[in-house]
Amino acid sequence: MSGHAHGHTPAAWAGVSIAFIGFCVSGVFMVAADPIGFWAGIVLVFVGGAVGWAMKAAGYGRPKDSQERIDARERATEAARARTASSV
């Protein structure tokens, strides 16, 4: 999946990091039998999702293409056009 940059974006890292902290907080307060702390951790999990979504909407959810990838895409497009033109 790393070839498709699945999850390798600032939005994904921020959202998952905040949600992970929320899970940890919830776990600690669940063991400590403190319902307010537990629910605060659950709120953090949802905040992580909202932050990830907001960052994705702001443009941080998709990595920028490298020059190598742009060049490969252009070569593939030209090759496809050449095949199409020669078959017509």
C-alpha atoms as a PDB file:
ATOM      1  CA  MET A   1       0.000   0.000   0.000  1.00  0.00           C
ATOM      2  CA  SER A   2       2.899   2.346   0.450  1.00  0.00           C
ATOM      3  CA  GLY A   3       3.132   2.626  -3.325  1.00  0.00           C
ATOM      4  CA  HIS A   4      -0.240   4.363  -3.231  1.00  0.00           C
ATOM      5  CA  ALA A   5       0.662   6.567  -0.224  1.00  0.00           C
ATOM      6  CA  HIS A   6      -2.198   5.036   1.745  1.00  0.00           C
ATOM      7  CA  GLY A   7      -2.241   6.849   5.051  1.00  0.00           C
ATOM      8  CA  HIS A   8       1.077   8.626   4.532  1.00  0.00           C
ATOM      9  CA  THR A   9      -0.354  12.123   4.749  1.00  0.00           C
ATOM     10  CA  PRO A  10      -0.293  14.802   7.440  1.00  0.00           C
ATOM     11  CA  ALA A  11      -4.077  14.485   7.821  1.00  0.00           C
ATOM     12  CA  ALA A  12      -3.865  10.748   8.451  1.00  0.00           C
ATOM     13  CA  TRP A  13      -0.970  11.050  10.891  1.00  0.00           C
ATOM     14  CA  ALA A  14      -2.638  13.814  12.892  1.00  0.00           C
ATOM     15  CA  GLY A  15      -6.035  12.125  13.035  1.00  0.00           C
ATOM     16  CA  VAL A  16      -4.701   8.712  13.990  1.00  0.00           C
ATOM     17  CA  SER A  17      -2.278  10.149  16.555  1.00  0.00           C
ATOM     18  CA  ILE A  18      -5.033  12.077  18.327  1.00  0.00           C
ATOM     19  CA  ALA A  19      -7.384   9.088  18.206  1.00  0.00           C
ATOM     20  CA  PHE A  20      -4.639   6.822  19.598  1.00  0.00           C
ATOM     21  CA  ILE A  21      -4.086   9.196  22.508  1.00  0.00           C
ATOM     22  CA  GLY A  22      -7.833   9.151  23.095  1.00  0.00           C
ATOM     23  CA  PHE A  23      -7.858   5.341  23.213  1.00  0.00           C
ATOM     24  CA  CYS A  24      -4.965   5.389  25.686  1.00  0.00           C
ATOM     25  CA  VAL A  25      -6.702   7.955  27.897  1.00  0.00           C
ATOM     26  CA  SER A  26      -9.926   5.928  27.824  1.00  0.00           C
ATOM     27  CA  GLY A  27      -8.072   2.748  28.711  1.00  0.00           C
ATOM     28  CA  VAL A  28      -6.307   4.300  31.680  1.00  0.00           C
ATOM     29  CA  PHE A  29      -9.468   5.832  33.079  1.00  0.00           C
ATOM     30  CA  MET A  30     -11.462   2.654  32.464  1.00  0.00           C
ATOM     31  CA  VAL A  31      -9.005   0.741  34.638  1.00  0.00           C
ATOM     32  CA  ALA A  32      -9.096   3.566  37.177  1.00  0.00           C
ATOM     33  CA  ALA A  33     -12.926   3.335  37.219  1.00  0.00           C
ATOM     34  CA  ASP A  34     -13.321   7.051  36.432  1.00  0.00           C
ATOM     35  CA  PRO A  35     -16.208   7.504  33.980  1.00  0.00           C
ATOM     36  CA  ILE A  36     -15.523  11.201  33.333  1.00  0.00           C
ATOM     37  CA  GLY A  37     -11.940  10.500  32.231  1.00  0.00           C
ATOM     38  CA  PHE A  38     -13.124   7.549  30.165  1.00  0.00           C
ATOM     39  CA  TRP A  39     -15.643   9.666  28.260  1.00  0.00           C
ATOM     40  CA  ALA A  40     -13.072  12.433  27.838  1.00  0.00           C
ATOM     41  CA  GLY A  41     -10.869   9.875  26.078  1.00  0.00           C
ATOM     42  CA  ILE A  42     -13.764   8.827  23.861  1.00  0.00           C
ATOM     43  CA  VAL A  43     -14.303  12.486  22.957  1.00  0.00           C
ATOM     44  CA  LEU A  44     -10.611  12.660  21.982  1.00  0.00           C
ATOM     45  CA  VAL A  45     -11.127   9.711  19.633  1.00  0.00           C
ATOM     46  CA  PHE A  46     -13.871  11.619  17.827  1.00  0.00           C
ATOM     47  CA  VAL A  47     -11.789  14.798  17.853  1.00  0.00           C
ATOM     48  CA  GLY A  48      -9.035  12.843  16.088  1.00  0.00           C
ATOM     49  CA  GLY A  49     -11.478  11.845  13.375  1.00  0.00           C
ATOM     50  CA  ALA A  50     -12.713  15.402  13.001  1.00  0.00           C
ATOM     51  CA  VAL A  51      -9.176  16.788  12.824  1.00  0.00           C
ATOM     52  CA  GLY A  52      -8.214  14.232  10.182  1.00  0.00           C
ATOM     53  CA  TRP A  53     -11.317  15.045   8.141  1.00  0.00           C
ATOM     54  CA  ALA A  54     -10.767  18.817   8.459  1.00  0.00           C
ATOM     55  CA  MET A  55      -7.114  18.524   7.443  1.00  0.00           C
ATOM     56  CA  LYS A  56      -8.090  16.381   4.465  1.00  0.00           C
ATOM     57  CA  ALA A  57     -10.629  19.011   3.435  1.00  0.00           C
ATOM     58  CA  ALA A  58      -7.901  21.657   3.774  1.00  0.00           C
ATOM     59  CA  GLY A  59      -5.691  19.775   1.326  1.00  0.00           C
ATOM     60  CA  TYR A  60      -3.396  17.896   3.688  1.00  0.00           C
ATOM     61  CA  GLY A  61      -4.924  14.527   2.865  1.00  0.00           C
ATOM     62  CA  ARG A  62      -3.152  13.850  -0.384  1.00  0.00           C
ATOM     63  CA  PRO A  63       0.615  13.793  -0.793  1.00  0.00           C
ATOM     64  CA  LYS A  64       2.163  15.842  -3.542  1.00  0.00           C
ATOM     65  CA  ASP A  65       3.312  13.849  -6.538  1.00  0.00           C
ATOM     66  CA  SER A  66       7.049  13.589  -6.990  1.00  0.00           C
ATOM     67  CA  GLN A  67       8.626  14.700 -10.238  1.00  0.00           C
ATOM     68  CA  GLU A  68       9.413  11.050 -11.001  1.00  0.00           C
ATOM     69  CA  ARG A  69       5.746  10.114 -10.727  1.00  0.00           C
ATOM     70  CA  ILE A  70       4.670  13.080 -12.867  1.00  0.00           C
ATOM     71  CA  ASP A  71       7.196  12.101 -15.558  1.00  0.00           C
ATOM     72  CA  ALA A  72       6.047   8.464 -15.502  1.00  0.00           C
ATOM     73  CA  ARG A  73       2.430   9.545 -15.864  1.00  0.00           C
ATOM     74  CA  GLU A  74       3.309  11.753 -18.843  1.00  0.00           C
ATOM     75  CA  ARG A  75       5.274   8.929 -20.525  1.00  0.00           C
ATOM     76  CA  ALA A  76       2.363   6.537 -20.041  1.00  0.00           C
ATOM     77  CA  THR A  77      -0.062   9.083 -21.489  1.00  0.00           C
ATOM     78  CA  GLU A  78       2.125   9.652 -24.541  1.00  0.00           C
ATOM     79  CA  ALA A  79       2.517   5.889 -25.078  1.00  0.00           C
ATOM     80  CA  ALA A  80      -1.245   5.395 -24.873  1.00  0.00           C
ATOM     81  CA  ARG A  81      -1.847   8.207 -27.342  1.00  0.00           C
ATOM     82  CA  ALA A  82       0.710   6.735 -29.731  1.00  0.00           C
ATOM     83  CA  ARG A  83      -0.977   3.305 -29.546  1.00  0.00           C
ATOM     84  CA  THR A  84      -4.385   4.887 -30.145  1.00  0.00           C
ATOM     85  CA  ALA A  85      -3.137   6.960 -33.077  1.00  0.00           C
ATOM     86  CA  SER A  86      -1.430   3.975 -34.734  1.00  0.00           C
ATOM     87  CA  SER A  87      -4.520   1.741 -34.431  1.00  0.00           C
ATOM     88  CA  VAL A  88      -6.836   4.277 -36.093  1.00  0.00           C
END
